[in-house]
Amino acid sequence: MSMKELLLEEIDSLSQEELLQAINYVRIMKSNRISDLSEIPRTPKPPHRPGSGKSILRHVGKWVGDDLKECLEIVKSTRGLAKF
């Protein structure tokens, strides 16, 4: 199989977004603007923001009842050691 056939086979499996990136790569290579493919700018991914817990606090009310100490004792007596 020729290099061109291999390339066409790979192109057939790309998504629309990946096709757009591939077109940009080919245009950059043809224009010789950069010689190293690792320098080609990539589409940035949105930053990952870990949850703050604030959203769940909107739905949680205040403790109601007189059994807080009893509940805490149950939790302390039944929890196990964490295994990592």
PDB file of N, CA and C in Angstrom:
ATOM      1  N   MET A   1       0.850  -1.172   0.000  1.00  0.00           N
ATOM      2  CA  MET A   1       0.000   0.000   0.000  1.00  0.00           C
ATOM      3  C   MET A   1       0.900   1.241   0.000  1.00  0.00           C
ATOM      4  N   SER A   2       0.578   2.196  -0.853  1.00  0.00           N
ATOM      5  CA  SER A   2       1.404   3.398  -0.959  1.00  0.00           C
ATOM      6  C   SER A   2       1.141   4.345   0.215  1.00  0.00           C
ATOM      7  N   MET A   3       2.020   5.294   0.395  1.00  0.00           N
ATOM      8  CA  MET A   3       1.873   6.278   1.472  1.00  0.00           C
ATOM      9  C   MET A   3       0.583   7.080   1.281  1.00  0.00           C
ATOM     10  N   LYS A   4       0.282   7.410   0.043  1.00  0.00           N
ATOM     11  CA  LYS A   4      -0.926   8.187  -0.235  1.00  0.00           C
ATOM     12  C   LYS A   4      -2.178   7.379   0.143  1.00  0.00           C
ATOM     13  N   GLU A   5      -2.182   6.096  -0.159  1.00  0.00           N
ATOM     14  CA  GLU A   5      -3.317   5.245   0.191  1.00  0.00           C
ATOM     15  C   GLU A   5      -3.458   5.118   1.706  1.00  0.00           C
ATOM     16  N   LEU A   6      -2.329   4.998   2.404  1.00  0.00           N
ATOM     17  CA  LEU A   6      -2.361   4.942   3.863  1.00  0.00           C
ATOM     18  C   LEU A   6      -2.936   6.234   4.446  1.00  0.00           C
ATOM     19  N   LEU A   7      -2.500   7.356   3.886  1.00  0.00           N
ATOM     20  CA  LEU A   7      -2.987   8.653   4.351  1.00  0.00           C
ATOM     21  C   LEU A   7      -4.485   8.787   4.096  1.00  0.00           C
ATOM     22  N   LEU A   8      -4.938   8.395   2.925  1.00  0.00           N
ATOM     23  CA  LEU A   8      -6.365   8.475   2.610  1.00  0.00           C
ATOM     24  C   LEU A   8      -7.193   7.576   3.525  1.00  0.00           C
ATOM     25  N   GLU A   9      -6.651   6.430   3.864  1.00  0.00           N
ATOM     26  CA  GLU A   9      -7.335   5.515   4.778  1.00  0.00           C
ATOM     27  C   GLU A   9      -7.491   6.148   6.160  1.00  0.00           C
ATOM     28  N   GLU A  10      -6.440   6.810   6.613  1.00  0.00           N
ATOM     29  CA  GLU A  10      -6.507   7.492   7.909  1.00  0.00           C
ATOM     30  C   GLU A  10      -7.486   8.657   7.858  1.00  0.00           C
ATOM     31  N   ILE A  11      -7.496   9.393   6.771  1.00  0.00           N
ATOM     32  CA  ILE A  11      -8.390  10.544   6.631  1.00  0.00           C
ATOM     33  C   ILE A  11      -9.844  10.105   6.702  1.00  0.00           C
ATOM     34  N   ASP A  12     -10.155   8.946   6.139  1.00  0.00           N
ATOM     35  CA  ASP A  12     -11.532   8.453   6.147  1.00  0.00           C
ATOM     36  C   ASP A  12     -12.068   8.219   7.558  1.00  0.00           C
ATOM     37  N   SER A  13     -11.190   8.014   8.523  1.00  0.00           N
ATOM     38  CA  SER A  13     -11.646   7.721   9.882  1.00  0.00           C
ATOM     39  C   SER A  13     -11.686   8.956  10.781  1.00  0.00           C
ATOM     40  N   LEU A  14     -11.417  10.146  10.236  1.00  0.00           N
ATOM     41  CA  LEU A  14     -11.379  11.359  11.054  1.00  0.00           C
ATOM     42  C   LEU A  14     -12.755  11.985  11.212  1.00  0.00           C
ATOM     43  N   SER A  15     -12.960  12.663  12.347  1.00  0.00           N
ATOM     44  CA  SER A  15     -14.179  13.439  12.568  1.00  0.00           C
ATOM     45  C   SER A  15     -14.047  14.770  11.824  1.00  0.00           C
ATOM     46  N   GLN A  16     -15.129  15.533  11.792  1.00  0.00           N
ATOM     47  CA  GLN A  16     -15.107  16.828  11.099  1.00  0.00           C
ATOM     48  C   GLN A  16     -14.072  17.771  11.720  1.00  0.00           C
ATOM     49  N   GLU A  17     -14.007  17.794  13.029  1.00  0.00           N
ATOM     50  CA  GLU A  17     -13.042  18.668  13.709  1.00  0.00           C
ATOM     51  C   GLU A  17     -11.606  18.238  13.393  1.00  0.00           C
ATOM     52  N   GLU A  18     -11.376  16.931  13.395  1.00  0.00           N
ATOM     53  CA  GLU A  18     -10.034  16.421  13.083  1.00  0.00           C
ATOM     54  C   GLU A  18      -9.674  16.690  11.627  1.00  0.00           C
ATOM     55  N   LEU A  19     -10.671  16.632  10.737  1.00  0.00           N
ATOM     56  CA  LEU A  19     -10.415  16.955   9.326  1.00  0.00           C
ATOM     57  C   LEU A  19      -9.978  18.409   9.174  1.00  0.00           C
ATOM     58  N   LEU A  20     -10.630  19.296   9.914  1.00  0.00           N
ATOM     59  CA  LEU A  20     -10.260  20.709   9.858  1.00  0.00           C
ATOM     60  C   LEU A  20      -8.828  20.906  10.342  1.00  0.00           C
ATOM     61  N   GLN A  21      -8.445  20.224  11.404  1.00  0.00           N
ATOM     62  CA  GLN A  21      -7.071  20.313  11.894  1.00  0.00           C
ATOM     63  C   GLN A  21      -6.091  19.749  10.871  1.00  0.00           C
ATOM     64  N   ALA A  22      -6.469  18.641  10.233  1.00  0.00           N
ATOM     65  CA  ALA A  22      -5.592  18.034   9.227  1.00  0.00           C
ATOM     66  C   ALA A  22      -5.378  18.977   8.056  1.00  0.00           C
ATOM     67  N   ILE A  23      -6.444  19.652   7.630  1.00  0.00           N
ATOM     68  CA  ILE A  23      -6.321  20.626   6.539  1.00  0.00           C
ATOM     69  C   ILE A  23      -5.356  21.729   6.935  1.00  0.00           C
ATOM     70  N   ASN A  24      -5.494  22.206   8.172  1.00  0.00           N
ATOM     71  CA  ASN A  24      -4.591  23.262   8.645  1.00  0.00           C
ATOM     72  C   ASN A  24      -3.143  22.775   8.670  1.00  0.00           C
ATOM     73  N   TYR A  25      -2.917  21.532   9.103  1.00  0.00           N
ATOM     74  CA  TYR A  25      -1.563  20.979   9.124  1.00  0.00           C
ATOM     75  C   TYR A  25      -0.977  20.930   7.720  1.00  0.00           C
ATOM     76  N   VAL A  26      -1.760  20.461   6.781  1.00  0.00           N
ATOM     77  CA  VAL A  26      -1.270  20.344   5.403  1.00  0.00           C
ATOM     78  C   VAL A  26      -0.942  21.718   4.845  1.00  0.00           C
ATOM     79  N   ARG A  27      -1.796  22.681   5.090  1.00  0.00           N
ATOM     80  CA  ARG A  27      -1.541  24.047   4.591  1.00  0.00           C
ATOM     81  C   ARG A  27      -0.280  24.635   5.209  1.00  0.00           C
ATOM     82  N   ILE A  28      -0.073  24.384   6.493  1.00  0.00           N
ATOM     83  CA  ILE A  28       1.128  24.892   7.158  1.00  0.00           C
ATOM     84  C   ILE A  28       2.368  24.227   6.579  1.00  0.00           C
ATOM     85  N   MET A  29       2.305  22.904   6.378  1.00  0.00           N
ATOM     86  CA  MET A  29       3.459  22.197   5.825  1.00  0.00           C
ATOM     87  C   MET A  29       3.768  22.687   4.418  1.00  0.00           C
ATOM     88  N   LYS A  30       2.731  22.923   3.614  1.00  0.00           N
ATOM     89  CA  LYS A  30       2.938  23.372   2.232  1.00  0.00           C
ATOM     90  C   LYS A  30       3.543  24.764   2.185  1.00  0.00           C
ATOM     91  N   SER A  31       3.165  25.600   3.119  1.00  0.00           N
ATOM     92  CA  SER A  31       3.680  26.967   3.092  1.00  0.00           C
ATOM     93  C   SER A  31       5.044  27.080   3.762  1.00  0.00           C
ATOM     94  N   ASN A  32       5.510  25.979   4.411  1.00  0.00           N
ATOM     95  CA  ASN A  32       6.820  25.943   5.079  1.00  0.00           C
ATOM     96  C   ASN A  32       6.959  27.016   6.146  1.00  0.00           C
ATOM     97  N   ARG A  33       5.846  27.370   6.791  1.00  0.00           N
ATOM     98  CA  ARG A  33       5.927  28.348   7.868  1.00  0.00           C
ATOM     99  C   ARG A  33       6.626  27.761   9.082  1.00  0.00           C
ATOM    100  N   ILE A  34       6.410  26.488   9.345  1.00  0.00           N
ATOM    101  CA  ILE A  34       7.097  25.825  10.441  1.00  0.00           C
ATOM    102  C   ILE A  34       7.628  24.490   9.943  1.00  0.00           C
ATOM    103  N   SER A  35       8.786  24.153  10.436  1.00  0.00           N
ATOM    104  CA  SER A  35       9.399  22.902   9.985  1.00  0.00           C
ATOM    105  C   SER A  35       9.106  21.752  10.935  1.00  0.00           C
ATOM    106  N   ASP A  36       8.782  22.062  12.171  1.00  0.00           N
ATOM    107  CA  ASP A  36       8.547  21.023  13.165  1.00  0.00           C
ATOM    108  C   ASP A  36       7.048  20.935  13.463  1.00  0.00           C
ATOM    109  N   LEU A  37       6.448  19.748  13.266  1.00  0.00           N
ATOM    110  CA  LEU A  37       5.017  19.581  13.478  1.00  0.00           C
ATOM    111  C   LEU A  37       4.614  19.754  14.938  1.00  0.00           C
ATOM    112  N   SER A  38       5.563  19.594  15.860  1.00  0.00           N
ATOM    113  CA  SER A  38       5.222  19.768  17.268  1.00  0.00           C
ATOM    114  C   SER A  38       4.935  21.226  17.602  1.00  0.00           C
ATOM    115  N   GLU A  39       5.326  22.145  16.726  1.00  0.00           N
ATOM    116  CA  GLU A  39       5.090  23.560  16.966  1.00  0.00           C
ATOM    117  C   GLU A  39       3.733  24.024  16.440  1.00  0.00           C
ATOM    118  N   ILE A  40       2.982  23.136  15.788  1.00  0.00           N
ATOM    119  CA  ILE A  40       1.690  23.508  15.234  1.00  0.00           C
ATOM    120  C   ILE A  40       0.717  23.737  16.381  1.00  0.00           C
ATOM    121  N   PRO A  41       0.038  24.892  16.381  1.00  0.00           N
ATOM    122  CA  PRO A  41      -0.901  25.158  17.466  1.00  0.00           C
ATOM    123  C   PRO A  41      -2.069  24.174  17.434  1.00  0.00           C
ATOM    124  N   ARG A  42      -2.448  23.693  18.589  1.00  0.00           N
ATOM    125  CA  ARG A  42      -3.551  22.748  18.707  1.00  0.00           C
ATOM    126  C   ARG A  42      -4.801  23.482  19.197  1.00  0.00           C
ATOM    127  N   THR A  43      -5.954  22.899  18.935  1.00  0.00           N
ATOM    128  CA  THR A  43      -7.195  23.467  19.429  1.00  0.00           C
ATOM    129  C   THR A  43      -7.204  23.337  20.949  1.00  0.00           C
ATOM    130  N   PRO A  44      -7.332  24.472  21.668  1.00  0.00           N
ATOM    131  CA  PRO A  44      -7.274  24.385  23.128  1.00  0.00           C
ATOM    132  C   PRO A  44      -8.500  23.686  23.689  1.00  0.00           C
ATOM    133  N   LYS A  45      -8.274  22.898  24.746  1.00  0.00           N
ATOM    134  CA  LYS A  45      -9.368  22.241  25.437  1.00  0.00           C
ATOM    135  C   LYS A  45      -9.850  23.177  26.540  1.00  0.00           C
ATOM    136  N   PRO A  46     -11.142  23.145  26.832  1.00  0.00           N
ATOM    137  CA  PRO A  46     -11.608  23.992  27.922  1.00  0.00           C
ATOM    138  C   PRO A  46     -10.978  23.537  29.236  1.00  0.00           C
ATOM    139  N   PRO A  47     -10.628  24.492  30.102  1.00  0.00           N
ATOM    140  CA  PRO A  47      -9.975  24.112  31.360  1.00  0.00           C
ATOM    141  C   PRO A  47     -10.911  23.317  32.249  1.00  0.00           C
ATOM    142  N   HIS A  48     -10.334  22.338  32.950  1.00  0.00           N
ATOM    143  CA  HIS A  48     -11.115  21.531  33.888  1.00  0.00           C
ATOM    144  C   HIS A  48     -11.158  22.246  35.217  1.00  0.00           C
ATOM    145  N   ARG A  49     -12.369  22.444  35.711  1.00  0.00           N
ATOM    146  CA  ARG A  49     -12.514  23.074  37.015  1.00  0.00           C
ATOM    147  C   ARG A  49     -13.149  22.071  37.958  1.00  0.00           C
ATOM    148  N   PRO A  50     -12.424  21.675  38.991  1.00  0.00           N
ATOM    149  CA  PRO A  50     -13.023  20.738  39.953  1.00  0.00           C
ATOM    150  C   PRO A  50     -14.185  21.404  40.679  1.00  0.00           C
ATOM    151  N   GLY A  51     -15.152  20.603  41.058  1.00  0.00           N
ATOM    152  CA  GLY A  51     -16.320  21.122  41.757  1.00  0.00           C
ATOM    153  C   GLY A  51     -15.957  21.751  43.091  1.00  0.00           C
ATOM    154  N   SER A  52     -16.665  22.806  43.428  1.00  0.00           N
ATOM    155  CA  SER A  52     -16.386  23.505  44.683  1.00  0.00           C
ATOM    156  C   SER A  52     -17.282  23.021  45.814  1.00  0.00           C
ATOM    157  N   GLY A  53     -18.350  22.333  45.480  1.00  0.00           N
ATOM    158  CA  GLY A  53     -19.279  21.884  46.509  1.00  0.00           C
ATOM    159  C   GLY A  53     -20.356  22.908  46.802  1.00  0.00           C
ATOM    160  N   LYS A  54     -20.247  24.104  46.218  1.00  0.00           N
ATOM    161  CA  LYS A  54     -21.232  25.154  46.487  1.00  0.00           C
ATOM    162  C   LYS A  54     -22.608  24.791  45.939  1.00  0.00           C
ATOM    163  N   SER A  55     -22.642  24.091  44.813  1.00  0.00           N
ATOM    164  CA  SER A  55     -23.937  23.771  44.217  1.00  0.00           C
ATOM    165  C   SER A  55     -24.758  22.859  45.117  1.00  0.00           C
ATOM    166  N   ILE A  56     -24.112  21.926  45.780  1.00  0.00           N
ATOM    167  CA  ILE A  56     -24.855  21.016  46.655  1.00  0.00           C
ATOM    168  C   ILE A  56     -25.296  21.721  47.929  1.00  0.00           C
ATOM    169  N   LEU A  57     -24.530  22.724  48.348  1.00  0.00           N
ATOM    170  CA  LEU A  57     -24.891  23.440  49.568  1.00  0.00           C
ATOM    171  C   LEU A  57     -26.168  24.252  49.400  1.00  0.00           C
ATOM    172  N   ARG A  58     -26.529  24.589  48.164  1.00  0.00           N
ATOM    173  CA  ARG A  58     -27.778  25.315  47.935  1.00  0.00           C
ATOM    174  C   ARG A  58     -28.982  24.464  48.311  1.00  0.00           C
ATOM    175  N   HIS A  59     -28.858  23.153  48.214  1.00  0.00           N
ATOM    176  CA  HIS A  59     -29.975  22.250  48.435  1.00  0.00           C
ATOM    177  C   HIS A  59     -29.997  21.666  49.847  1.00  0.00           C
ATOM    178  N   VAL A  60     -28.936  21.866  50.580  1.00  0.00           N
ATOM    179  CA  VAL A  60     -28.843  21.301  51.923  1.00  0.00           C
ATOM    180  C   VAL A  60     -29.303  22.358  52.920  1.00  0.00           C
ATOM    181  N   GLY A  61     -30.180  21.957  53.800  1.00  0.00           N
ATOM    182  CA  GLY A  61     -30.636  22.884  54.832  1.00  0.00           C
ATOM    183  C   GLY A  61     -29.788  22.765  56.082  1.00  0.00           C
ATOM    184  N   LYS A  62     -30.235  23.407  57.124  1.00  0.00           N
ATOM    185  CA  LYS A  62     -29.544  23.310  58.407  1.00  0.00           C
ATOM    186  C   LYS A  62     -29.972  22.031  59.103  1.00  0.00           C
ATOM    187  N   TRP A  63     -29.141  21.581  60.034  1.00  0.00           N
ATOM    188  CA  TRP A  63     -29.459  20.370  60.777  1.00  0.00           C
ATOM    189  C   TRP A  63     -30.685  20.635  61.644  1.00  0.00           C
ATOM    190  N   VAL A  64     -31.647  19.739  61.524  1.00  0.00           N
ATOM    191  CA  VAL A  64     -32.865  19.876  62.314  1.00  0.00           C
ATOM    192  C   VAL A  64     -32.980  18.640  63.194  1.00  0.00           C
ATOM    193  N   GLY A  65     -33.120  18.832  64.456  1.00  0.00           N
ATOM    194  CA  GLY A  65     -33.259  17.708  65.371  1.00  0.00           C
ATOM    195  C   GLY A  65     -32.262  17.804  66.501  1.00  0.00           C
ATOM    196  N   ASP A  66     -32.407  16.897  67.441  1.00  0.00           N
ATOM    197  CA  ASP A  66     -31.527  16.909  68.591  1.00  0.00           C
ATOM    198  C   ASP A  66     -30.642  15.667  68.640  1.00  0.00           C
ATOM    199  N   ASP A  67     -30.486  14.998  67.516  1.00  0.00           N
ATOM    200  CA  ASP A  67     -29.718  13.750  67.487  1.00  0.00           C
ATOM    201  C   ASP A  67     -28.379  13.887  66.766  1.00  0.00           C
ATOM    202  N   LEU A  68     -27.845  15.098  66.662  1.00  0.00           N
ATOM    203  CA  LEU A  68     -26.582  15.320  65.951  1.00  0.00           C
ATOM    204  C   LEU A  68     -25.444  14.525  66.592  1.00  0.00           C
ATOM    205  N   LYS A  69     -25.315  14.588  67.887  1.00  0.00           N
ATOM    206  CA  LYS A  69     -24.229  13.869  68.566  1.00  0.00           C
ATOM    207  C   LYS A  69     -24.365  12.361  68.363  1.00  0.00           C
ATOM    208  N   GLU A  70     -25.587  11.862  68.436  1.00  0.00           N
ATOM    209  CA  GLU A  70     -25.827  10.434  68.246  1.00  0.00           C
ATOM    210  C   GLU A  70     -25.445  10.011  66.824  1.00  0.00           C
ATOM    211  N   CYS A  71     -25.821  10.816  65.840  1.00  0.00           N
ATOM    212  CA  CYS A  71     -25.480  10.495  64.442  1.00  0.00           C
ATOM    213  C   CYS A  71     -23.970  10.515  64.231  1.00  0.00           C
ATOM    214  N   LEU A  72     -23.293  11.494  64.804  1.00  0.00           N
ATOM    215  CA  LEU A  72     -21.838  11.560  64.669  1.00  0.00           C
ATOM    216  C   LEU A  72     -21.167  10.353  65.300  1.00  0.00           C
ATOM    217  N   GLU A  73     -21.669   9.905  66.430  1.00  0.00           N
ATOM    218  CA  GLU A  73     -21.118   8.723  67.086  1.00  0.00           C
ATOM    219  C   GLU A  73     -21.300   7.481  66.218  1.00  0.00           C
ATOM    220  N   ILE A  74     -22.461   7.364  65.574  1.00  0.00           N
ATOM    221  CA  ILE A  74     -22.711   6.227  64.683  1.00  0.00           C
ATOM    222  C   ILE A  74     -21.727   6.238  63.518  1.00  0.00           C
ATOM    223  N   VAL A  75     -21.514   7.419  62.953  1.00  0.00           N
ATOM    224  CA  VAL A  75     -20.571   7.538  61.837  1.00  0.00           C
ATOM    225  C   VAL A  75     -19.169   7.156  62.286  1.00  0.00           C
ATOM    226  N   LYS A  76     -18.732   7.670  63.415  1.00  0.00           N
ATOM    227  CA  LYS A  76     -17.382   7.378  63.914  1.00  0.00           C
ATOM    228  C   LYS A  76     -17.191   5.901  64.229  1.00  0.00           C
ATOM    229  N   SER A  77     -18.233   5.268  64.766  1.00  0.00           N
ATOM    230  CA  SER A  77     -18.083   3.873  65.171  1.00  0.00           C
ATOM    231  C   SER A  77     -18.180   2.899  63.992  1.00  0.00           C
ATOM    232  N   THR A  78     -18.765   3.315  62.884  1.00  0.00           N
ATOM    233  CA  THR A  78     -18.956   2.395  61.754  1.00  0.00           C
ATOM    234  C   THR A  78     -18.034   2.654  60.585  1.00  0.00           C
ATOM    235  N   ARG A  79     -17.263   3.703  60.621  1.00  0.00           N
ATOM    236  CA  ARG A  79     -16.378   3.957  59.478  1.00  0.00           C
ATOM    237  C   ARG A  79     -15.151   3.069  59.537  1.00  0.00           C
ATOM    238  N   GLY A  80     -14.664   2.719  58.362  1.00  0.00           N
ATOM    239  CA  GLY A  80     -13.498   1.862  58.280  1.00  0.00           C
ATOM    240  C   GLY A  80     -12.264   2.638  57.864  1.00  0.00           C
ATOM    241  N   LEU A  81     -11.157   1.973  57.810  1.00  0.00           N
ATOM    242  CA  LEU A  81      -9.918   2.594  57.380  1.00  0.00           C
ATOM    243  C   LEU A  81      -9.902   2.682  55.863  1.00  0.00           C
ATOM    244  N   ALA A  82      -9.390   3.773  55.359  1.00  0.00           N
ATOM    245  CA  ALA A  82      -9.296   3.960  53.908  1.00  0.00           C
ATOM    246  C   ALA A  82      -8.151   3.100  53.365  1.00  0.00           C
ATOM    247  N   LYS A  83      -8.405   2.466  52.231  1.00  0.00           N
ATOM    248  CA  LYS A  83      -7.376   1.667  51.580  1.00  0.00           C
ATOM    249  C   LYS A  83      -7.021   2.297  50.256  1.00  0.00           C
ATOM    250  N   PHE A  84      -5.758   2.629  50.070  1.00  0.00           N
ATOM    251  CA  PHE A  84      -5.311   3.268  48.842  1.00  0.00           C
ATOM    252  C   PHE A  84      -4.334   2.378  48.121  1.00  0.00           C
TER     253      PHE A  84
END
